[in-house]
Amino acid sequence: MYPLENSKLKAKKISKAIFQTMVEKAGDGIFVYQDHRFVYVNPAFENLLGYPQHILENMTLDDVVNPDTAEMIEECYSRRIRGEKEPDRYDVVFITRNKQKRIIALSPSVIMLGGNPATLNIARDITERKLMLEHLESSNEFLTGLIENSSDAIIATDFYGNPLIFNKAAEEI
């Protein structure tokens, strides 16, 4: 073997080891989906859904996605595989093995695997963030209602004296 070929082979092995470690240790779930089947899932995706890899590899998205959106997700997958434009990211409700709903930000990309198209998917659990955002929005609406309907004048300003809140009672002063 020539030194250049040996160097290329060594670099390829190092690259493969780095990629494998990165995927196996990633905090986000990663899965490859081909022919309407999971063909690879990383440990984070196994943990996210509560299924081991050998079970997931016999499942489809229909088996783990909220029934309300399963058909839409499969259609998006099919269109993406055909080369049609689809969003780079969308939120999907997955159902875990324990029947819990998890909101997942899904980022799919088309790859070729064994000469056939597949999707490489990054799956980030955003359930807690979504619930916190809903709680904040609800609290904001509640507090805005209290301020607006208060019979007391309420005025709030920023550090520069610019008004931020000025309710109806304050307008009457």
N, C-alpha and C. Protein backbone atom coordinates (compact mmCIF):
# COMPACT_ATOMS: atom_id res chain seq x y z
N MET A 1 0.86 -1.18 0.00
CA MET A 1 0.00 0.00 0.00
C MET A 1 0.90 1.24 0.00
N TYR A 2 0.53 2.20 -0.81
CA TYR A 2 1.30 3.43 -0.90
C TYR A 2 1.01 4.33 0.29
N PRO A 3 1.97 5.20 0.66
CA PRO A 3 1.77 6.09 1.83
C PRO A 3 0.52 6.96 1.71
N LEU A 4 0.23 7.47 0.50
CA LEU A 4 -0.93 8.35 0.31
C LEU A 4 -2.23 7.57 0.55
N GLU A 5 -2.31 6.34 0.00
CA GLU A 5 -3.50 5.51 0.20
C GLU A 5 -3.67 5.17 1.67
N ASN A 6 -2.57 4.85 2.34
CA ASN A 6 -2.60 4.53 3.76
C ASN A 6 -3.09 5.73 4.57
N SER A 7 -2.62 6.92 4.19
CA SER A 7 -3.03 8.15 4.87
C SER A 7 -4.52 8.41 4.69
N LYS A 8 -5.04 8.20 3.47
CA LYS A 8 -6.47 8.40 3.20
C LYS A 8 -7.32 7.41 3.97
N LEU A 9 -6.87 6.15 4.02
CA LEU A 9 -7.60 5.12 4.75
C LEU A 9 -7.64 5.44 6.23
N LYS A 10 -6.52 5.89 6.75
CA LYS A 10 -6.43 6.25 8.17
C LYS A 10 -7.36 7.43 8.48
N ALA A 11 -7.36 8.44 7.60
CA ALA A 11 -8.23 9.61 7.79
C ALA A 11 -9.70 9.20 7.74
N LYS A 12 -10.03 8.27 6.84
CA LYS A 12 -11.41 7.80 6.73
C LYS A 12 -11.84 7.07 8.01
N LYS A 13 -10.96 6.25 8.56
CA LYS A 13 -11.27 5.54 9.81
C LYS A 13 -11.45 6.52 10.97
N ILE A 14 -10.60 7.53 11.02
CA ILE A 14 -10.70 8.55 12.08
C ILE A 14 -12.01 9.30 11.94
N SER A 15 -12.35 9.70 10.70
CA SER A 15 -13.60 10.42 10.44
C SER A 15 -14.80 9.58 10.88
N LYS A 16 -14.78 8.30 10.54
CA LYS A 16 -15.89 7.41 10.91
C LYS A 16 -16.01 7.31 12.42
N ALA A 17 -14.88 7.19 13.11
CA ALA A 17 -14.90 7.08 14.57
C ALA A 17 -15.44 8.36 15.21
N ILE A 18 -15.03 9.51 14.68
CA ILE A 18 -15.51 10.80 15.20
C ILE A 18 -17.02 10.91 14.99
N PHE A 19 -17.47 10.59 13.77
CA PHE A 19 -18.90 10.69 13.46
C PHE A 19 -19.71 9.74 14.34
N GLN A 20 -19.24 8.50 14.48
CA GLN A 20 -19.97 7.53 15.30
C GLN A 20 -20.06 7.98 16.75
N THR A 21 -18.96 8.48 17.30
CA THR A 21 -18.97 8.96 18.68
C THR A 21 -19.91 10.14 18.83
N MET A 22 -19.87 11.06 17.87
CA MET A 22 -20.72 12.24 17.92
C MET A 22 -22.20 11.85 17.93
N VAL A 23 -22.58 10.93 17.07
CA VAL A 23 -23.98 10.51 16.98
C VAL A 23 -24.40 9.73 18.22
N GLU A 24 -23.54 8.85 18.70
CA GLU A 24 -23.88 8.03 19.86
C GLU A 24 -23.97 8.85 21.14
N LYS A 25 -23.18 9.92 21.24
CA LYS A 25 -23.14 10.74 22.46
C LYS A 25 -24.01 11.99 22.38
N ALA A 26 -24.64 12.23 21.25
CA ALA A 26 -25.45 13.44 21.06
C ALA A 26 -26.59 13.49 22.08
N GLY A 27 -26.90 14.68 22.54
CA GLY A 27 -28.01 14.87 23.47
C GLY A 27 -29.36 14.82 22.77
N ASP A 28 -29.37 15.15 21.49
CA ASP A 28 -30.60 15.09 20.70
C ASP A 28 -30.76 13.70 20.10
N GLY A 29 -32.02 13.32 19.89
CA GLY A 29 -32.28 12.07 19.21
C GLY A 29 -31.92 12.19 17.74
N ILE A 30 -31.35 11.14 17.19
CA ILE A 30 -31.01 11.09 15.77
C ILE A 30 -31.54 9.76 15.24
N PHE A 31 -32.24 9.84 14.11
CA PHE A 31 -32.69 8.59 13.49
C PHE A 31 -32.67 8.71 11.98
N VAL A 32 -32.51 7.56 11.33
CA VAL A 32 -32.58 7.47 9.88
C VAL A 32 -33.86 6.72 9.56
N TYR A 33 -34.62 7.29 8.63
CA TYR A 33 -35.93 6.74 8.26
C TYR A 33 -35.91 6.47 6.76
N GLN A 34 -36.16 5.21 6.39
CA GLN A 34 -36.12 4.83 4.98
C GLN A 34 -37.22 3.81 4.70
N ASP A 35 -37.89 3.99 3.57
CA ASP A 35 -38.98 3.09 3.18
C ASP A 35 -40.01 2.93 4.30
N HIS A 36 -40.33 4.05 4.94
CA HIS A 36 -41.32 4.09 6.02
C HIS A 36 -40.97 3.19 7.20
N ARG A 37 -39.67 3.14 7.51
CA ARG A 37 -39.18 2.37 8.66
C ARG A 37 -37.98 3.09 9.28
N PHE A 38 -37.84 2.93 10.59
CA PHE A 38 -36.62 3.40 11.26
C PHE A 38 -35.52 2.39 10.92
N VAL A 39 -34.43 2.86 10.33
CA VAL A 39 -33.32 1.94 10.03
C VAL A 39 -32.15 2.16 10.98
N TYR A 40 -32.13 3.29 11.66
CA TYR A 40 -31.12 3.55 12.69
C TYR A 40 -31.70 4.53 13.69
N VAL A 41 -31.42 4.31 14.97
CA VAL A 41 -31.76 5.28 16.02
C VAL A 41 -30.58 5.34 16.98
N ASN A 42 -30.26 6.54 17.45
CA ASN A 42 -29.17 6.66 18.42
C ASN A 42 -29.72 6.47 19.84
N PRO A 43 -28.84 6.33 20.82
CA PRO A 43 -29.30 6.12 22.20
C PRO A 43 -30.22 7.22 22.73
N ALA A 44 -29.97 8.47 22.34
CA ALA A 44 -30.82 9.57 22.82
C ALA A 44 -32.26 9.41 22.31
N PHE A 45 -32.43 8.94 21.08
CA PHE A 45 -33.77 8.74 20.53
C PHE A 45 -34.44 7.55 21.23
N GLU A 46 -33.67 6.50 21.51
CA GLU A 46 -34.21 5.37 22.28
C GLU A 46 -34.73 5.85 23.63
N ASN A 47 -33.92 6.66 24.33
CA ASN A 47 -34.30 7.17 25.64
C ASN A 47 -35.52 8.09 25.56
N LEU A 48 -35.57 8.89 24.52
CA LEU A 48 -36.67 9.83 24.34
C LEU A 48 -38.02 9.10 24.25
N LEU A 49 -38.05 8.03 23.46
CA LEU A 49 -39.30 7.31 23.25
C LEU A 49 -39.49 6.11 24.18
N GLY A 50 -38.40 5.65 24.79
CA GLY A 50 -38.51 4.53 25.71
C GLY A 50 -38.50 3.15 25.06
N TYR A 51 -38.19 3.10 23.77
CA TYR A 51 -38.11 1.83 23.06
C TYR A 51 -36.65 1.52 22.74
N PRO A 52 -36.24 0.25 22.85
CA PRO A 52 -34.88 -0.09 22.41
C PRO A 52 -34.80 -0.10 20.88
N GLN A 53 -33.58 0.00 20.38
CA GLN A 53 -33.36 0.09 18.94
C GLN A 53 -34.00 -1.06 18.17
N HIS A 54 -33.86 -2.28 18.64
CA HIS A 54 -34.38 -3.43 17.88
C HIS A 54 -35.90 -3.39 17.74
N ILE A 55 -36.59 -2.76 18.67
CA ILE A 55 -38.05 -2.61 18.55
C ILE A 55 -38.38 -1.46 17.60
N LEU A 56 -37.68 -0.33 17.76
CA LEU A 56 -37.94 0.82 16.88
C LEU A 56 -37.69 0.46 15.42
N GLU A 57 -36.70 -0.38 15.15
CA GLU A 57 -36.39 -0.74 13.76
C GLU A 57 -37.49 -1.57 13.10
N ASN A 58 -38.46 -2.00 13.87
CA ASN A 58 -39.62 -2.70 13.31
C ASN A 58 -40.87 -1.83 13.34
N MET A 59 -40.68 -0.53 13.58
CA MET A 59 -41.81 0.39 13.69
C MET A 59 -41.76 1.44 12.59
N THR A 60 -42.89 2.13 12.42
CA THR A 60 -42.96 3.25 11.50
C THR A 60 -43.26 4.51 12.31
N LEU A 61 -43.22 5.65 11.65
CA LEU A 61 -43.59 6.89 12.33
C LEU A 61 -45.04 6.82 12.82
N ASP A 62 -45.89 6.15 12.05
CA ASP A 62 -47.30 5.99 12.47
C ASP A 62 -47.42 5.36 13.85
N ASP A 63 -46.46 4.50 14.20
CA ASP A 63 -46.51 3.80 15.48
C ASP A 63 -46.13 4.69 16.67
N VAL A 64 -45.41 5.78 16.42
CA VAL A 64 -44.89 6.59 17.53
C VAL A 64 -45.30 8.06 17.47
N VAL A 65 -46.04 8.43 16.44
CA VAL A 65 -46.46 9.83 16.29
C VAL A 65 -47.94 9.93 16.66
N ASN A 66 -48.31 11.06 17.25
CA ASN A 66 -49.70 11.31 17.61
C ASN A 66 -50.60 11.01 16.40
N PRO A 67 -51.64 10.20 16.57
CA PRO A 67 -52.50 9.83 15.43
C PRO A 67 -53.06 11.02 14.65
N ASP A 68 -53.26 12.15 15.31
CA ASP A 68 -53.79 13.34 14.62
C ASP A 68 -52.84 13.85 13.54
N THR A 69 -51.55 13.59 13.68
CA THR A 69 -50.57 14.13 12.74
C THR A 69 -49.80 13.06 11.97
N ALA A 70 -50.03 11.79 12.26
CA ALA A 70 -49.25 10.71 11.65
C ALA A 70 -49.31 10.73 10.13
N GLU A 71 -50.49 10.88 9.57
CA GLU A 71 -50.64 10.88 8.12
C GLU A 71 -49.90 12.06 7.49
N MET A 72 -50.02 13.23 8.12
CA MET A 72 -49.34 14.42 7.61
C MET A 72 -47.82 14.24 7.63
N ILE A 73 -47.29 13.62 8.69
CA ILE A 73 -45.85 13.41 8.80
C ILE A 73 -45.37 12.44 7.72
N GLU A 74 -46.10 11.36 7.50
CA GLU A 74 -45.74 10.40 6.46
C GLU A 74 -45.79 11.06 5.08
N GLU A 75 -46.77 11.93 4.85
CA GLU A 75 -46.86 12.64 3.57
C GLU A 75 -45.68 13.59 3.39
N CYS A 76 -45.30 14.29 4.45
CA CYS A 76 -44.12 15.16 4.40
C CYS A 76 -42.88 14.36 4.07
N TYR A 77 -42.74 13.19 4.70
CA TYR A 77 -41.61 12.31 4.44
C TYR A 77 -41.58 11.92 2.95
N SER A 78 -42.71 11.48 2.42
CA SER A 78 -42.79 11.04 1.02
C SER A 78 -42.46 12.19 0.07
N ARG A 79 -42.99 13.38 0.33
CA ARG A 79 -42.71 14.53 -0.54
C ARG A 79 -41.22 14.89 -0.47
N ARG A 80 -40.65 14.86 0.71
CA ARG A 80 -39.24 15.20 0.87
C ARG A 80 -38.38 14.20 0.08
N ILE A 81 -38.71 12.92 0.17
CA ILE A 81 -37.96 11.88 -0.55
C ILE A 81 -38.06 12.10 -2.06
N ARG A 82 -39.22 12.58 -2.53
CA ARG A 82 -39.40 12.85 -3.97
C ARG A 82 -38.69 14.13 -4.41
N GLY A 83 -38.12 14.85 -3.46
CA GLY A 83 -37.39 16.07 -3.80
C GLY A 83 -38.22 17.33 -3.73
N GLU A 84 -39.46 17.22 -3.25
CA GLU A 84 -40.31 18.39 -3.12
C GLU A 84 -39.89 19.21 -1.90
N LYS A 85 -40.15 20.50 -1.96
CA LYS A 85 -39.76 21.40 -0.87
C LYS A 85 -40.66 21.19 0.34
N GLU A 86 -40.04 21.00 1.48
CA GLU A 86 -40.73 20.84 2.76
C GLU A 86 -40.03 21.73 3.78
N PRO A 87 -40.69 22.08 4.88
CA PRO A 87 -40.03 22.90 5.90
C PRO A 87 -38.78 22.20 6.44
N ASP A 88 -37.79 23.01 6.82
CA ASP A 88 -36.55 22.46 7.38
C ASP A 88 -36.74 21.93 8.79
N ARG A 89 -37.78 22.42 9.45
CA ARG A 89 -38.03 22.02 10.84
C ARG A 89 -39.51 22.12 11.11
N TYR A 90 -40.03 21.17 11.85
CA TYR A 90 -41.42 21.25 12.30
C TYR A 90 -41.57 20.51 13.62
N ASP A 91 -42.60 20.91 14.36
CA ASP A 91 -42.86 20.31 15.66
C ASP A 91 -43.86 19.17 15.49
N VAL A 92 -43.52 18.04 16.09
CA VAL A 92 -44.33 16.83 15.98
C VAL A 92 -44.57 16.27 17.38
N VAL A 93 -45.78 15.81 17.64
CA VAL A 93 -46.08 15.17 18.92
C VAL A 93 -45.84 13.67 18.78
N PHE A 94 -44.85 13.18 19.52
CA PHE A 94 -44.55 11.75 19.56
C PHE A 94 -45.20 11.16 20.81
N ILE A 95 -45.53 9.89 20.76
CA ILE A 95 -46.09 9.17 21.90
C ILE A 95 -45.03 8.16 22.36
N THR A 96 -44.63 8.26 23.62
CA THR A 96 -43.60 7.37 24.15
C THR A 96 -44.18 5.98 24.46
N ARG A 97 -43.30 5.10 24.79
CA ARG A 97 -43.72 3.74 25.17
C ARG A 97 -44.66 3.79 26.38
N ASN A 98 -44.47 4.78 27.28
CA ASN A 98 -45.33 4.95 28.47
C ASN A 98 -46.60 5.74 28.15
N LYS A 99 -46.85 6.01 26.87
CA LYS A 99 -48.04 6.74 26.41
C LYS A 99 -48.00 8.22 26.78
N GLN A 100 -46.82 8.77 27.04
CA GLN A 100 -46.69 10.20 27.29
C GLN A 100 -46.51 10.93 25.96
N LYS A 101 -47.06 12.13 25.88
CA LYS A 101 -46.88 12.95 24.68
C LYS A 101 -45.63 13.80 24.86
N ARG A 102 -44.76 13.79 23.85
CA ARG A 102 -43.55 14.60 23.86
C ARG A 102 -43.56 15.44 22.58
N ILE A 103 -43.34 16.74 22.73
CA ILE A 103 -43.29 17.63 21.57
C ILE A 103 -41.85 17.65 21.09
N ILE A 104 -41.66 17.25 19.85
CA ILE A 104 -40.33 17.10 19.28
C ILE A 104 -40.15 18.07 18.12
N ALA A 105 -39.06 18.85 18.17
CA ALA A 105 -38.68 19.67 17.03
C ALA A 105 -37.89 18.75 16.11
N LEU A 106 -38.44 18.48 14.93
CA LEU A 106 -37.86 17.52 14.00
C LEU A 106 -37.20 18.27 12.84
N SER A 107 -35.93 17.95 12.59
CA SER A 107 -35.18 18.56 11.48
C SER A 107 -34.69 17.45 10.56
N PRO A 108 -35.43 17.17 9.48
CA PRO A 108 -35.03 16.09 8.57
C PRO A 108 -34.20 16.60 7.38
N SER A 109 -33.31 15.74 6.90
CA SER A 109 -32.52 16.01 5.69
C SER A 109 -32.49 14.73 4.86
N VAL A 110 -32.58 14.88 3.55
CA VAL A 110 -32.53 13.71 2.68
C VAL A 110 -31.08 13.28 2.50
N ILE A 111 -30.85 11.97 2.62
CA ILE A 111 -29.53 11.38 2.37
C ILE A 111 -29.74 10.17 1.46
N MET A 112 -28.65 9.68 0.90
CA MET A 112 -28.71 8.44 0.13
C MET A 112 -28.12 7.34 1.00
N LEU A 113 -28.82 6.22 1.09
CA LEU A 113 -28.39 5.10 1.91
C LEU A 113 -28.60 3.83 1.10
N GLY A 114 -27.52 3.15 0.78
CA GLY A 114 -27.62 1.94 -0.04
C GLY A 114 -28.18 2.23 -1.41
N GLY A 115 -27.93 3.42 -1.93
CA GLY A 115 -28.42 3.80 -3.25
C GLY A 115 -29.86 4.28 -3.28
N ASN A 116 -30.49 4.34 -2.12
CA ASN A 116 -31.89 4.79 -2.05
C ASN A 116 -32.02 5.97 -1.09
N PRO A 117 -33.00 6.86 -1.35
CA PRO A 117 -33.16 8.01 -0.47
C PRO A 117 -33.70 7.61 0.90
N ALA A 118 -33.26 8.37 1.89
CA ALA A 118 -33.72 8.20 3.27
C ALA A 118 -33.69 9.58 3.90
N THR A 119 -34.19 9.70 5.11
CA THR A 119 -34.05 10.97 5.82
C THR A 119 -33.22 10.74 7.08
N LEU A 120 -32.32 11.67 7.30
CA LEU A 120 -31.55 11.74 8.54
C LEU A 120 -32.25 12.81 9.37
N ASN A 121 -32.68 12.46 10.56
CA ASN A 121 -33.52 13.34 11.37
C ASN A 121 -32.88 13.66 12.71
N ILE A 122 -32.89 14.93 13.06
CA ILE A 122 -32.49 15.36 14.40
C ILE A 122 -33.78 15.64 15.16
N ALA A 123 -33.92 15.03 16.33
CA ALA A 123 -35.15 15.14 17.12
C ALA A 123 -34.83 15.74 18.49
N ARG A 124 -35.27 16.98 18.70
CA ARG A 124 -35.03 17.66 19.97
C ARG A 124 -36.33 17.75 20.76
N ASP A 125 -36.30 17.28 21.99
CA ASP A 125 -37.47 17.33 22.87
C ASP A 125 -37.66 18.77 23.37
N ILE A 126 -38.75 19.40 22.96
CA ILE A 126 -39.03 20.78 23.37
C ILE A 126 -40.31 20.85 24.21
N THR A 127 -40.71 19.71 24.77
CA THR A 127 -41.95 19.65 25.55
C THR A 127 -41.95 20.66 26.68
N GLU A 128 -40.92 20.65 27.50
CA GLU A 128 -40.87 21.54 28.66
C GLU A 128 -40.87 23.00 28.22
N ARG A 129 -40.12 23.31 27.17
CA ARG A 129 -40.07 24.69 26.68
C ARG A 129 -41.44 25.14 26.18
N LYS A 130 -42.14 24.27 25.45
CA LYS A 130 -43.48 24.61 24.95
C LYS A 130 -44.46 24.82 26.10
N LEU A 131 -44.40 23.95 27.10
CA LEU A 131 -45.30 24.09 28.26
C LEU A 131 -45.00 25.37 29.02
N MET A 132 -43.72 25.70 29.17
CA MET A 132 -43.34 26.93 29.86
C MET A 132 -43.82 28.16 29.08
N LEU A 133 -43.67 28.11 27.77
CA LEU A 133 -44.13 29.22 26.93
C LEU A 133 -45.64 29.40 27.04
N GLU A 134 -46.39 28.30 27.01
CA GLU A 134 -47.85 28.38 27.18
C GLU A 134 -48.21 28.98 28.54
N HIS A 135 -47.49 28.58 29.58
CA HIS A 135 -47.74 29.10 30.92
C HIS A 135 -47.44 30.60 30.98
N LEU A 136 -46.33 31.01 30.36
CA LEU A 136 -45.99 32.44 30.34
C LEU A 136 -47.03 33.26 29.59
N GLU A 137 -47.49 32.74 28.45
CA GLU A 137 -48.51 33.45 27.68
C GLU A 137 -49.80 33.57 28.47
N SER A 138 -50.18 32.51 29.14
CA SER A 138 -51.40 32.52 29.95
C SER A 138 -51.27 33.52 31.10
N SER A 139 -50.13 33.51 31.77
CA SER A 139 -49.89 34.45 32.88
C SER A 139 -49.89 35.88 32.37
N ASN A 140 -49.30 36.10 31.21
CA ASN A 140 -49.26 37.44 30.64
C ASN A 140 -50.67 37.95 30.33
N GLU A 141 -51.50 37.08 29.74
CA GLU A 141 -52.89 37.47 29.45
C GLU A 141 -53.64 37.79 30.74
N PHE A 142 -53.45 36.98 31.76
CA PHE A 142 -54.12 37.20 33.04
C PHE A 142 -53.70 38.53 33.65
N LEU A 143 -52.40 38.79 33.70
CA LEU A 143 -51.90 40.03 34.30
C LEU A 143 -52.31 41.25 33.48
N THR A 144 -52.30 41.13 32.16
CA THR A 144 -52.74 42.23 31.30
C THR A 144 -54.20 42.55 31.59
N GLY A 145 -55.03 41.52 31.75
CA GLY A 145 -56.44 41.73 32.09
C GLY A 145 -56.61 42.41 33.43
N LEU A 146 -55.83 42.01 34.43
CA LEU A 146 -55.90 42.66 35.74
C LEU A 146 -55.53 44.14 35.65
N ILE A 147 -54.47 44.43 34.94
CA ILE A 147 -54.01 45.82 34.83
C ILE A 147 -55.04 46.66 34.07
N GLU A 148 -55.51 46.15 32.94
CA GLU A 148 -56.45 46.90 32.11
C GLU A 148 -57.77 47.16 32.83
N ASN A 149 -58.22 46.23 33.64
CA ASN A 149 -59.52 46.35 34.29
C ASN A 149 -59.46 46.91 35.70
N SER A 150 -58.28 47.28 36.14
CA SER A 150 -58.14 47.84 37.49
C SER A 150 -58.73 49.24 37.54
N SER A 151 -59.40 49.55 38.65
CA SER A 151 -59.94 50.90 38.82
C SER A 151 -58.84 51.86 39.29
N ASP A 152 -57.70 51.32 39.71
CA ASP A 152 -56.56 52.16 40.10
C ASP A 152 -55.72 52.48 38.87
N ALA A 153 -55.15 53.67 38.87
CA ALA A 153 -54.24 54.06 37.79
C ALA A 153 -52.94 53.27 37.93
N ILE A 154 -52.54 52.62 36.85
CA ILE A 154 -51.29 51.86 36.85
C ILE A 154 -50.44 52.34 35.69
N ILE A 155 -49.23 52.79 36.02
CA ILE A 155 -48.28 53.24 35.01
C ILE A 155 -46.94 52.58 35.34
N ALA A 156 -46.31 52.02 34.33
CA ALA A 156 -44.97 51.45 34.50
C ALA A 156 -44.09 52.01 33.40
N THR A 157 -42.86 52.34 33.74
CA THR A 157 -41.92 52.89 32.77
C THR A 157 -40.62 52.09 32.79
N ASP A 158 -39.85 52.26 31.72
CA ASP A 158 -38.52 51.64 31.70
C ASP A 158 -37.54 52.56 32.42
N PHE A 159 -36.26 52.25 32.40
CA PHE A 159 -35.25 53.04 33.10
C PHE A 159 -35.13 54.46 32.57
N TYR A 160 -35.58 54.68 31.35
CA TYR A 160 -35.47 56.00 30.74
C TYR A 160 -36.74 56.83 30.88
N GLY A 161 -37.73 56.29 31.56
CA GLY A 161 -38.98 57.01 31.76
C GLY A 161 -39.99 56.80 30.65
N ASN A 162 -39.69 55.94 29.71
CA ASN A 162 -40.63 55.65 28.63
C ASN A 162 -41.74 54.74 29.17
N PRO A 163 -43.00 55.09 28.90
CA PRO A 163 -44.10 54.27 29.43
C PRO A 163 -44.14 52.89 28.78
N LEU A 164 -44.29 51.89 29.62
CA LEU A 164 -44.46 50.51 29.16
C LEU A 164 -45.90 50.06 29.34
N ILE A 165 -46.48 50.46 30.47
CA ILE A 165 -47.87 50.11 30.79
C ILE A 165 -48.58 51.39 31.20
N PHE A 166 -49.77 51.57 30.65
CA PHE A 166 -50.57 52.76 30.93
C PHE A 166 -52.02 52.32 30.80
N ASN A 167 -52.66 51.98 31.92
CA ASN A 167 -54.02 51.43 31.83
C ASN A 167 -55.07 52.53 31.67
N LYS A 168 -56.33 52.11 31.48
CA LYS A 168 -57.44 53.05 31.24
C LYS A 168 -57.63 54.01 32.40
N ALA A 169 -57.50 53.53 33.62
CA ALA A 169 -57.67 54.41 34.80
C ALA A 169 -56.60 55.49 34.81
N ALA A 170 -55.40 55.18 34.34
CA ALA A 170 -54.32 56.17 34.29
C ALA A 170 -54.61 57.22 33.22
N GLU A 171 -55.29 56.84 32.15
CA GLU A 171 -55.64 57.78 31.09
C GLU A 171 -56.63 58.84 31.58
N GLU A 172 -57.43 58.50 32.58
CA GLU A 172 -58.45 59.41 33.08
C GLU A 172 -57.91 60.44 34.06
N ILE A 173 -56.67 60.30 34.45
CA ILE A 173 -56.09 61.25 35.42
C ILE A 173 -55.71 62.54 34.70
